[in-house]
């Protein structure tokens, strides 16, 4: 496994976005169900959902310009050893 595709790096992004979506639905449900009924609560829910959508959309737009089909090699990122021990022995 010499080359790793960049698309593998999207796995943490989708994981974090999924957890954020779970928190969004959990928080919106509890604000709607147990919050004080009024325009303030409704505006807070709308602002919270819009901020989430802007954040998710902005990161998606920022990541969409990247070429995900390319690959990278760990040998270019990690230093190669010249036969010496990692512990300096």
PDB file of N, CA and C in Angstrom:
ATOM      1  N   UNK A   1       0.852  -1.175   0.000  1.00  0.00           N
ATOM      2  CA  UNK A   1       0.000   0.000   0.000  1.00  0.00           C
ATOM      3  C   UNK A   1       0.892   1.229   0.000  1.00  0.00           C
ATOM      4  N   UNK A   2       1.350   1.558  -1.148  1.00  0.00           N
ATOM      5  CA  UNK A   2       2.292   2.660  -1.277  1.00  0.00           C
ATOM      6  C   UNK A   2       1.600   4.006  -1.361  1.00  0.00           C
ATOM      7  N   UNK A   3       0.483   4.085  -2.058  1.00  0.00           N
ATOM      8  CA  UNK A   3      -0.212   5.358  -2.246  1.00  0.00           C
ATOM      9  C   UNK A   3      -1.613   5.276  -1.634  1.00  0.00           C
ATOM     10  N   UNK A   4      -1.975   6.335  -0.944  1.00  0.00           N
ATOM     11  CA  UNK A   4      -3.286   6.415  -0.289  1.00  0.00           C
ATOM     12  C   UNK A   4      -4.076   7.516  -0.993  1.00  0.00           C
ATOM     13  N   UNK A   5      -5.310   7.242  -1.412  1.00  0.00           N
ATOM     14  CA  UNK A   5      -6.098   8.294  -2.058  1.00  0.00           C
ATOM     15  C   UNK A   5      -6.536   9.356  -1.041  1.00  0.00           C
ATOM     16  N   UNK A   6      -6.625  10.587  -1.506  1.00  0.00           N
ATOM     17  CA  UNK A   6      -7.026  11.688  -0.632  1.00  0.00           C
ATOM     18  C   UNK A   6      -8.454  11.535  -0.127  1.00  0.00           C
ATOM     19  N   UNK A   7      -9.273  10.789  -0.844  1.00  0.00           N
ATOM     20  CA  UNK A   7     -10.678  10.638  -0.453  1.00  0.00           C
ATOM     21  C   UNK A   7     -10.817   9.947   0.911  1.00  0.00           C
ATOM     22  N   UNK A   8      -9.782   9.232   1.331  1.00  0.00           N
ATOM     23  CA  UNK A   8      -9.792   8.595   2.646  1.00  0.00           C
ATOM     24  C   UNK A   8      -9.843   9.656   3.746  1.00  0.00           C
ATOM     25  N   UNK A   9      -9.314  10.832   3.459  1.00  0.00           N
ATOM     26  CA  UNK A   9      -9.319  11.904   4.450  1.00  0.00           C
ATOM     27  C   UNK A   9     -10.706  12.502   4.669  1.00  0.00           C
ATOM     28  N   UNK A  10     -11.656  12.183   3.795  1.00  0.00           N
ATOM     29  CA  UNK A  10     -13.026  12.668   3.985  1.00  0.00           C
ATOM     30  C   UNK A  10     -13.792  11.871   5.044  1.00  0.00           C
ATOM     31  N   UNK A  11     -13.296  10.708   5.411  1.00  0.00           N
ATOM     32  CA  UNK A  11     -13.983   9.880   6.412  1.00  0.00           C
ATOM     33  C   UNK A  11     -14.131  10.627   7.733  1.00  0.00           C
ATOM     34  N   UNK A  12     -13.059  11.257   8.279  1.00  0.00           N
ATOM     35  CA  UNK A  12     -13.267  12.031   9.516  1.00  0.00           C
ATOM     36  C   UNK A  12     -14.219  13.212   9.330  1.00  0.00           C
ATOM     37  N   UNK A  13     -14.192  13.830   8.142  1.00  0.00           N
ATOM     38  CA  UNK A  13     -15.111  14.945   7.876  1.00  0.00           C
ATOM     39  C   UNK A  13     -16.557  14.475   7.957  1.00  0.00           C
ATOM     40  N   UNK A  14     -16.880  13.365   7.292  1.00  0.00           N
ATOM     41  CA  UNK A  14     -18.250  12.857   7.328  1.00  0.00           C
ATOM     42  C   UNK A  14     -18.638  12.392   8.723  1.00  0.00           C
ATOM     43  N   UNK A  15     -17.694  11.843   9.478  1.00  0.00           N
ATOM     44  CA  UNK A  15     -17.984  11.422  10.845  1.00  0.00           C
ATOM     45  C   UNK A  15     -18.335  12.630  11.715  1.00  0.00           C
ATOM     46  N   UNK A  16     -17.521  13.680  11.634  1.00  0.00           N
ATOM     47  CA  UNK A  16     -17.772  14.879  12.437  1.00  0.00           C
ATOM     48  C   UNK A  16     -19.068  15.559  12.000  1.00  0.00           C
ATOM     49  N   UNK A  17     -19.330  15.603  10.688  1.00  0.00           N
ATOM     50  CA  UNK A  17     -20.576  16.197  10.196  1.00  0.00           C
ATOM     51  C   UNK A  17     -21.782  15.388  10.666  1.00  0.00           C
ATOM     52  N   UNK A  18     -21.668  14.073  10.697  1.00  0.00           N
ATOM     53  CA  UNK A  18     -22.761  13.234  11.179  1.00  0.00           C
ATOM     54  C   UNK A  18     -23.035  13.430  12.657  1.00  0.00           C
ATOM     55  N   UNK A  19     -21.976  13.514  13.458  1.00  0.00           N
ATOM     56  CA  UNK A  19     -22.151  13.759  14.892  1.00  0.00           C
ATOM     57  C   UNK A  19     -22.745  15.142  15.125  1.00  0.00           C
ATOM     58  N   UNK A  20     -22.293  16.127  14.346  1.00  0.00           N
ATOM     59  CA  UNK A  20     -22.852  17.476  14.468  1.00  0.00           C
ATOM     60  C   UNK A  20     -24.333  17.491  14.097  1.00  0.00           C
ATOM     61  N   UNK A  21     -24.724  16.723  13.077  1.00  0.00           N
ATOM     62  CA  UNK A  21     -26.139  16.649  12.700  1.00  0.00           C
ATOM     63  C   UNK A  21     -26.969  15.985  13.798  1.00  0.00           C
ATOM     64  N   UNK A  22     -26.416  14.957  14.437  1.00  0.00           N
ATOM     65  CA  UNK A  22     -27.127  14.334  15.558  1.00  0.00           C
ATOM     66  C   UNK A  22     -27.335  15.331  16.699  1.00  0.00           C
ATOM     67  N   UNK A  23     -26.294  16.091  17.017  1.00  0.00           N
ATOM     68  CA  UNK A  23     -26.435  17.113  18.051  1.00  0.00           C
ATOM     69  C   UNK A  23     -27.433  18.188  17.640  1.00  0.00           C
ATOM     70  N   UNK A  24     -27.446  18.545  16.362  1.00  0.00           N
ATOM     71  CA  UNK A  24     -28.399  19.543  15.876  1.00  0.00           C
ATOM     72  C   UNK A  24     -29.829  19.074  16.112  1.00  0.00           C
ATOM     73  N   UNK A  25     -30.139  17.855  15.672  1.00  0.00           N
ATOM     74  CA  UNK A  25     -31.503  17.354  15.845  1.00  0.00           C
ATOM     75  C   UNK A  25     -31.861  17.184  17.326  1.00  0.00           C
ATOM     76  N   UNK A  26     -30.915  16.724  18.133  1.00  0.00           N
ATOM     77  CA  UNK A  26     -31.154  16.562  19.567  1.00  0.00           C
ATOM     78  C   UNK A  26     -31.445  17.909  20.216  1.00  0.00           C
ATOM     79  N   UNK A  27     -30.630  18.910  19.887  1.00  0.00           N
ATOM     80  CA  UNK A  27     -30.812  20.231  20.502  1.00  0.00           C
ATOM     81  C   UNK A  27     -32.091  20.911  20.016  1.00  0.00           C
ATOM     82  N   UNK A  28     -32.359  20.812  18.719  1.00  0.00           N
ATOM     83  CA  UNK A  28     -33.579  21.437  18.191  1.00  0.00           C
ATOM     84  C   UNK A  28     -34.814  20.773  18.784  1.00  0.00           C
ATOM     85  N   UNK A  29     -34.811  19.459  18.911  1.00  0.00           N
ATOM     86  CA  UNK A  29     -35.949  18.767  19.517  1.00  0.00           C
ATOM     87  C   UNK A  29     -36.185  19.246  20.946  1.00  0.00           C
ATOM     88  N   UNK A  30     -35.101  19.340  21.723  1.00  0.00           N
ATOM     89  CA  UNK A  30     -35.277  19.741  23.107  1.00  0.00           C
ATOM     90  C   UNK A  30     -35.647  21.222  23.243  1.00  0.00           C
ATOM     91  N   UNK A  31     -35.136  22.056  22.358  1.00  0.00           N
ATOM     92  CA  UNK A  31     -35.567  23.454  22.392  1.00  0.00           C
ATOM     93  C   UNK A  31     -37.044  23.573  22.032  1.00  0.00           C
ATOM     94  N   UNK A  32     -37.465  22.817  21.037  1.00  0.00           N
ATOM     95  CA  UNK A  32     -38.849  22.882  20.579  1.00  0.00           C
ATOM     96  C   UNK A  32     -39.803  22.278  21.611  1.00  0.00           C
ATOM     97  N   UNK A  33     -39.394  21.163  22.182  1.00  0.00           N
ATOM     98  CA  UNK A  33     -40.279  20.435  23.096  1.00  0.00           C
ATOM     99  C   UNK A  33     -40.338  21.066  24.489  1.00  0.00           C
ATOM    100  N   UNK A  34     -39.161  21.427  25.023  1.00  0.00           N
ATOM    101  CA  UNK A  34     -39.110  21.860  26.424  1.00  0.00           C
ATOM    102  C   UNK A  34     -38.765  23.341  26.586  1.00  0.00           C
ATOM    103  N   UNK A  35     -38.547  24.050  25.492  1.00  0.00           N
ATOM    104  CA  UNK A  35     -38.223  25.469  25.576  1.00  0.00           C
ATOM    105  C   UNK A  35     -39.458  26.299  25.839  1.00  0.00           C
ATOM    106  N   UNK A  36     -39.219  27.522  26.232  1.00  0.00           N
ATOM    107  CA  UNK A  36     -40.316  28.452  26.460  1.00  0.00           C
ATOM    108  C   UNK A  36     -40.922  28.802  25.106  1.00  0.00           C
ATOM    109  N   UNK A  37     -42.220  28.660  24.994  1.00  0.00           N
ATOM    110  CA  UNK A  37     -42.876  28.957  23.724  1.00  0.00           C
ATOM    111  C   UNK A  37     -42.915  30.455  23.505  1.00  0.00           C
ATOM    112  N   UNK A  38     -42.343  30.869  22.416  1.00  0.00           N
ATOM    113  CA  UNK A  38     -42.328  32.295  22.101  1.00  0.00           C
ATOM    114  C   UNK A  38     -41.503  32.536  20.850  1.00  0.00           C
ATOM    115  N   UNK A  39     -41.488  33.798  20.466  1.00  0.00           N
ATOM    116  CA  UNK A  39     -40.747  34.136  19.257  1.00  0.00           C
ATOM    117  C   UNK A  39     -39.244  34.033  19.468  1.00  0.00           C
ATOM    118  N   UNK A  40     -38.780  34.246  20.688  1.00  0.00           N
ATOM    119  CA  UNK A  40     -37.349  34.145  20.977  1.00  0.00           C
ATOM    120  C   UNK A  40     -36.821  32.735  20.761  1.00  0.00           C
ATOM    121  N   UNK A  41     -37.565  31.755  21.216  1.00  0.00           N
ATOM    122  CA  UNK A  41     -37.162  30.369  21.030  1.00  0.00           C
ATOM    123  C   UNK A  41     -37.197  29.981  19.559  1.00  0.00           C
ATOM    124  N   UNK A  42     -38.218  30.422  18.858  1.00  0.00           N
ATOM    125  CA  UNK A  42     -38.316  30.129  17.423  1.00  0.00           C
ATOM    126  C   UNK A  42     -37.165  30.769  16.661  1.00  0.00           C
ATOM    127  N   UNK A  43     -36.839  32.014  16.975  1.00  0.00           N
ATOM    128  CA  UNK A  43     -35.718  32.676  16.319  1.00  0.00           C
ATOM    129  C   UNK A  43     -34.395  32.001  16.650  1.00  0.00           C
ATOM    130  N   UNK A  44     -34.237  31.526  17.865  1.00  0.00           N
ATOM    131  CA  UNK A  44     -33.026  30.812  18.259  1.00  0.00           C
ATOM    132  C   UNK A  44     -32.884  29.512  17.484  1.00  0.00           C
ATOM    133  N   UNK A  45     -33.966  28.788  17.314  1.00  0.00           N
ATOM    134  CA  UNK A  45     -33.930  27.541  16.547  1.00  0.00           C
ATOM    135  C   UNK A  45     -33.584  27.820  15.087  1.00  0.00           C
ATOM    136  N   UNK A  46     -34.207  28.845  14.506  1.00  0.00           N
ATOM    137  CA  UNK A  46     -33.927  29.193  13.113  1.00  0.00           C
ATOM    138  C   UNK A  46     -32.474  29.618  12.947  1.00  0.00           C
ATOM    139  N   UNK A  47     -31.968  30.432  13.875  1.00  0.00           N
ATOM    140  CA  UNK A  47     -30.581  30.877  13.809  1.00  0.00           C
ATOM    141  C   UNK A  47     -29.616  29.700  13.954  1.00  0.00           C
ATOM    142  N   UNK A  48     -29.922  28.771  14.843  1.00  0.00           N
ATOM    143  CA  UNK A  48     -29.081  27.605  15.084  1.00  0.00           C
ATOM    144  C   UNK A  48     -29.029  26.715  13.840  1.00  0.00           C
ATOM    145  N   UNK A  49     -30.161  26.459  13.217  1.00  0.00           N
ATOM    146  CA  UNK A  49     -30.201  25.629  12.008  1.00  0.00           C
ATOM    147  C   UNK A  49     -29.510  26.334  10.847  1.00  0.00           C
ATOM    148  N   UNK A  50     -29.720  27.634  10.708  1.00  0.00           N
ATOM    149  CA  UNK A  50     -29.062  28.380   9.624  1.00  0.00           C
ATOM    150  C   UNK A  50     -27.550  28.423   9.814  1.00  0.00           C
ATOM    151  N   UNK A  51     -27.092  28.610  11.020  1.00  0.00           N
ATOM    152  CA  UNK A  51     -25.654  28.616  11.291  1.00  0.00           C
ATOM    153  C   UNK A  51     -25.038  27.255  10.992  1.00  0.00           C
ATOM    154  N   UNK A  52     -25.749  26.197  11.331  1.00  0.00           N
ATOM    155  CA  UNK A  52     -25.269  24.855  11.008  1.00  0.00           C
ATOM    156  C   UNK A  52     -25.197  24.654   9.497  1.00  0.00           C
ATOM    157  N   UNK A  53     -26.221  25.091   8.786  1.00  0.00           N
ATOM    158  CA  UNK A  53     -26.242  24.942   7.327  1.00  0.00           C
ATOM    159  C   UNK A  53     -25.139  25.768   6.668  1.00  0.00           C
ATOM    160  N   UNK A  54     -24.902  26.976   7.142  1.00  0.00           N
ATOM    161  CA  UNK A  54     -23.840  27.815   6.585  1.00  0.00           C
ATOM    162  C   UNK A  54     -22.470  27.197   6.853  1.00  0.00           C
ATOM    163  N   UNK A  55     -22.270  26.667   8.056  1.00  0.00           N
ATOM    164  CA  UNK A  55     -20.996  26.037   8.387  1.00  0.00           C
ATOM    165  C   UNK A  55     -20.763  24.795   7.543  1.00  0.00           C
ATOM    166  N   UNK A  56     -21.748  23.945   7.450  1.00  0.00           N
ATOM    167  CA  UNK A  56     -21.603  22.722   6.662  1.00  0.00           C
ATOM    168  C   UNK A  56     -21.453  23.040   5.176  1.00  0.00           C
ATOM    169  N   UNK A  57     -22.233  23.975   4.665  1.00  0.00           N
ATOM    170  CA  UNK A  57     -22.125  24.367   3.266  1.00  0.00           C
ATOM    171  C   UNK A  57     -20.801  25.039   2.953  1.00  0.00           C
ATOM    172  N   UNK A  58     -20.310  25.858   3.871  1.00  0.00           N
ATOM    173  CA  UNK A  58     -19.030  26.524   3.663  1.00  0.00           C
ATOM    174  C   UNK A  58     -17.863  25.554   3.639  1.00  0.00           C
ATOM    175  N   UNK A  59     -17.879  24.598   4.536  1.00  0.00           N
ATOM    176  CA  UNK A  59     -16.800  23.604   4.516  1.00  0.00           C
ATOM    177  C   UNK A  59     -16.896  22.726   3.276  1.00  0.00           C
ATOM    178  N   UNK A  60     -18.112  22.416   2.848  1.00  0.00           N
ATOM    179  CA  UNK A  60     -18.280  21.598   1.636  1.00  0.00           C
ATOM    180  C   UNK A  60     -17.781  22.357   0.409  1.00  0.00           C
ATOM    181  N   UNK A  61     -18.083  23.647   0.329  1.00  0.00           N
ATOM    182  CA  UNK A  61     -17.597  24.453  -0.791  1.00  0.00           C
ATOM    183  C   UNK A  61     -16.076  24.588  -0.761  1.00  0.00           C
ATOM    184  N   UNK A  62     -15.518  24.733   0.426  1.00  0.00           N
ATOM    185  CA  UNK A  62     -14.068  24.847   0.540  1.00  0.00           C
ATOM    186  C   UNK A  62     -13.381  23.545   0.138  1.00  0.00           C
ATOM    187  N   UNK A  63     -13.997  22.415   0.458  1.00  0.00           N
ATOM    188  CA  UNK A  63     -13.400  21.119   0.129  1.00  0.00           C
ATOM    189  C   UNK A  63     -13.693  20.683  -1.301  1.00  0.00           C
ATOM    190  N   UNK A  64     -14.675  21.290  -1.938  1.00  0.00           N
ATOM    191  CA  UNK A  64     -15.044  20.837  -3.283  1.00  0.00           C
ATOM    192  C   UNK A  64     -14.014  21.234  -4.338  1.00  0.00           C
ATOM    193  N   UNK A  65     -13.194  22.216  -4.067  1.00  0.00           N
ATOM    194  CA  UNK A  65     -12.189  22.630  -5.028  1.00  0.00           C
ATOM    195  C   UNK A  65     -10.954  21.761  -5.037  1.00  0.00           C
ATOM    196  N   UNK A  66     -10.884  20.798  -4.142  1.00  0.00           N
ATOM    197  CA  UNK A  66      -9.713  19.932  -4.033  1.00  0.00           C
ATOM    198  C   UNK A  66      -9.876  18.723  -4.945  1.00  0.00           C
ATOM    199  N   UNK A  67      -8.773  18.243  -5.498  1.00  0.00           N
ATOM    200  CA  UNK A  67      -8.805  17.062  -6.371  1.00  0.00           C
ATOM    201  C   UNK A  67      -8.682  15.821  -5.481  1.00  0.00           C
ATOM    202  N   UNK A  68      -9.810  15.148  -5.267  1.00  0.00           N
ATOM    203  CA  UNK A  68      -9.839  14.014  -4.343  1.00  0.00           C
ATOM    204  C   UNK A  68      -9.393  12.712  -4.997  1.00  0.00           C
ATOM    205  N   UNK A  69      -9.221  12.686  -6.300  1.00  0.00           N
ATOM    206  CA  UNK A  69      -8.797  11.475  -6.985  1.00  0.00           C
ATOM    207  C   UNK A  69      -7.298  11.223  -6.915  1.00  0.00           C
ATOM    208  N   UNK A  70      -6.533  12.244  -6.535  1.00  0.00           N
ATOM    209  CA  UNK A  70      -5.086  12.082  -6.431  1.00  0.00           C
ATOM    210  C   UNK A  70      -4.733  11.221  -5.223  1.00  0.00           C
ATOM    211  N   UNK A  71      -3.479  10.821  -5.169  1.00  0.00           N
ATOM    212  CA  UNK A  71      -2.994  10.005  -4.059  1.00  0.00           C
ATOM    213  C   UNK A  71      -1.780  10.668  -3.428  1.00  0.00           C
ATOM    214  N   UNK A  72      -1.477  10.233  -2.216  1.00  0.00           N
ATOM    215  CA  UNK A  72      -0.259  10.682  -1.553  1.00  0.00           C
ATOM    216  C   UNK A  72       0.428   9.469  -0.952  1.00  0.00           C
ATOM    217  N   UNK A  73       1.711   9.602  -0.740  1.00  0.00           N
ATOM    218  CA  UNK A  73       2.501   8.503  -0.206  1.00  0.00           C
ATOM    219  C   UNK A  73       3.037   8.894   1.160  1.00  0.00           C
ATOM    220  N   UNK A  74       2.989   7.962   2.091  1.00  0.00           N
ATOM    221  CA  UNK A  74       3.507   8.240   3.425  1.00  0.00           C
ATOM    222  C   UNK A  74       5.020   8.349   3.430  1.00  0.00           C
ATOM    223  N   UNK A  75       5.681   7.777   2.441  1.00  0.00           N
ATOM    224  CA  UNK A  75       7.138   7.877   2.398  1.00  0.00           C
ATOM    225  C   UNK A  75       7.586   9.305   2.106  1.00  0.00           C
ATOM    226  N   UNK A  76       6.741  10.104   1.477  1.00  0.00           N
ATOM    227  CA  UNK A  76       7.071  11.509   1.246  1.00  0.00           C
ATOM    228  C   UNK A  76       6.859  12.354   2.497  1.00  0.00           C
ATOM    229  N   UNK A  77       5.968  11.926   3.368  1.00  0.00           N
ATOM    230  CA  UNK A  77       5.657  12.700   4.561  1.00  0.00           C
ATOM    231  C   UNK A  77       6.520  12.334   5.755  1.00  0.00           C
ATOM    232  N   UNK A  78       6.851  11.054   5.884  1.00  0.00           N
ATOM    233  CA  UNK A  78       7.613  10.586   7.050  1.00  0.00           C
ATOM    234  C   UNK A  78       9.092  10.524   6.698  1.00  0.00           C
ATOM    235  N   UNK A  79       9.953  10.868   7.651  1.00  0.00           N
ATOM    236  CA  UNK A  79      11.391  10.797   7.365  1.00  0.00           C
ATOM    237  C   UNK A  79      11.849   9.353   7.247  1.00  0.00           C
ATOM    238  N   UNK A  80      12.757   9.120   6.342  1.00  0.00           N
ATOM    239  CA  UNK A  80      13.278   7.766   6.186  1.00  0.00           C
ATOM    240  C   UNK A  80      14.476   7.572   7.111  1.00  0.00           C
ATOM    241  N   UNK A  81      14.604   6.369   7.622  1.00  0.00           N
ATOM    242  CA  UNK A  81      15.720   6.084   8.525  1.00  0.00           C
ATOM    243  C   UNK A  81      16.895   5.563   7.716  1.00  0.00           C
ATOM    244  N   UNK A  82      18.080   5.895   8.156  1.00  0.00           N
ATOM    245  CA  UNK A  82      19.292   5.461   7.458  1.00  0.00           C
ATOM    246  C   UNK A  82      19.937   4.287   8.180  1.00  0.00           C
ATOM    247  N   UNK A  83      19.146   3.407   8.700  1.00  0.00           N
ATOM    248  CA  UNK A  83      19.662   2.231   9.398  1.00  0.00           C
ATOM    249  C   UNK A  83      19.903   2.460  10.878  1.00  0.00           C
ATOM    250  N   UNK A  84      19.703   3.650  11.384  1.00  0.00           N
ATOM    251  CA  UNK A  84      19.914   3.898  12.810  1.00  0.00           C
ATOM    252  C   UNK A  84      18.625   3.630  13.565  1.00  0.00           C
ATOM    253  N   UNK A  85      18.738   3.358  14.808  1.00  0.00           N
ATOM    254  CA  UNK A  85      17.592   3.067  15.651  1.00  0.00           C
ATOM    255  C   UNK A  85      16.800   4.341  15.925  1.00  0.00           C
ATOM    256  N   UNK A  86      15.514   4.191  16.131  1.00  0.00           N
ATOM    257  CA  UNK A  86      14.669   5.344  16.454  1.00  0.00           C
ATOM    258  C   UNK A  86      14.988   5.894  17.820  1.00  0.00           C
ATOM    259  N   UNK A  87      15.563   5.057  18.675  1.00  0.00           N
ATOM    260  CA  UNK A  87      15.875   5.479  20.032  1.00  0.00           C
ATOM    261  C   UNK A  87      17.285   6.029  20.141  1.00  0.00           C
ATOM    262  N   UNK A  88      18.011   6.113  19.064  1.00  0.00           N
ATOM    263  CA  UNK A  88      19.358   6.659  19.085  1.00  0.00           C
ATOM    264  C   UNK A  88      20.373   5.746  19.729  1.00  0.00           C
ATOM    265  N   UNK A  89      20.143   4.461  19.757  1.00  0.00           N
ATOM    266  CA  UNK A  89      21.086   3.525  20.387  1.00  0.00           C
ATOM    267  C   UNK A  89      22.173   3.122  19.428  1.00  0.00           C
TER     268      UNK A  89
END
